[in-house]
Every structure is written in C-alpha cells, then in structure tokens.
Amino acid sequence: KYRRTIQMRTSMPSEKSVIFLLAAVAMEETKTTYERRIYQFKNWKEKNKITVEVQRKER
C-alpha cells in the first residue's frame, strides 16, 4: 500500500495532501494489524509474575 501511495504522490495537488494520504494509509494499516489477537501474550501476566519472582530469588 505504501508503494502505491508513493506513486500517487506525483498526481497530488499539494504537499499537505500527500502527507494526509500517507497518514491515512498508516492509520488504516495500524488498525488492521492490531485487530487480531496475539496468542503469545495470552498468559503474559502470569509469566511476568513468575519471572519477577525468580529474579527476586536470585538477588
């Protein structure tokens, strides 16, 4: 999508419209990227708690 946006840049009326278009594409990509669940972080709180306890014991 970014490549298409950069190629469209030459047909834009002003620099502000190019920045607006790039920002809109970036926001769209961010929304779709973070919509899905990340299963690696499913039990993150529990794993973090165990890690902190182990680090405290090592001190």
Protein backbone atom coordinates (compact mmCIF):
# COMPACT_ATOMS: atom_id res chain seq x y z
CA LYS A 1 0.00 0.00 0.00
CA TYR A 2 2.82 2.40 0.74
CA ARG A 3 4.34 1.87 -2.70
CA ARG A 4 1.01 2.69 -4.32
CA THR A 5 0.73 5.79 -2.14
CA ILE A 6 4.21 6.99 -3.06
CA GLN A 7 3.48 6.50 -6.76
CA MET A 8 0.28 8.55 -6.39
CA ARG A 9 2.29 11.35 -4.83
CA THR A 10 3.10 12.92 -8.20
CA SER A 11 -0.56 13.40 -9.04
CA MET A 12 -1.44 15.11 -5.74
CA PRO A 13 -2.26 18.85 -5.76
CA SER A 14 -0.10 19.85 -2.77
CA GLU A 15 2.41 18.60 -0.20
CA LYS A 16 -0.23 18.63 2.54
CA SER A 17 -2.45 16.26 0.61
CA VAL A 18 0.47 13.82 0.22
CA ILE A 19 1.09 13.86 3.97
CA PHE A 20 -2.62 13.38 4.61
CA LEU A 21 -2.74 10.40 2.25
CA LEU A 22 0.32 8.76 3.82
CA ALA A 23 -1.11 9.29 7.31
CA ALA A 24 -4.45 7.80 6.28
CA VAL A 25 -2.75 4.71 4.86
CA ALA A 26 -0.61 4.35 8.00
CA MET A 27 -3.68 4.58 10.26
CA GLU A 28 -5.52 2.01 8.16
CA GLU A 29 -2.57 -0.38 8.31
CA THR A 30 -2.28 0.06 12.08
CA LYS A 31 -5.97 -0.68 12.65
CA THR A 32 -5.90 -3.88 10.63
CA THR A 33 -2.57 -5.03 12.05
CA TYR A 34 -3.59 -4.84 15.71
CA GLU A 35 -7.14 -6.15 15.27
CA ARG A 36 -6.13 -9.77 15.61
CA ARG A 37 -5.25 -11.34 18.93
CA ILE A 38 -1.66 -12.15 19.72
CA TYR A 39 -1.65 -15.55 21.33
CA GLN A 40 1.95 -15.29 22.52
CA PHE A 41 0.76 -12.76 25.11
CA LYS A 42 -2.20 -14.83 26.26
CA ASN A 43 -0.71 -15.63 29.69
CA TRP A 44 1.64 -12.67 29.85
CA LYS A 45 0.66 -11.54 33.35
CA GLU A 46 1.28 -14.98 34.83
CA LYS A 47 4.59 -15.43 33.00
CA ASN A 48 5.74 -11.97 34.06
CA LYS A 49 4.83 -12.68 37.68
CA ILE A 50 6.87 -15.90 37.66
CA THR A 51 9.83 -14.14 36.05
CA VAL A 52 9.78 -11.38 38.68
CA GLU A 53 9.68 -13.95 41.50
CA VAL A 54 12.65 -15.82 40.03
CA GLN A 55 14.64 -12.60 39.67
CA ARG A 56 13.93 -11.67 43.29
CA LYS A 57 15.15 -15.08 44.49
CA GLU A 58 18.38 -14.68 42.53
CA ARG A 59 19.21 -11.42 44.29
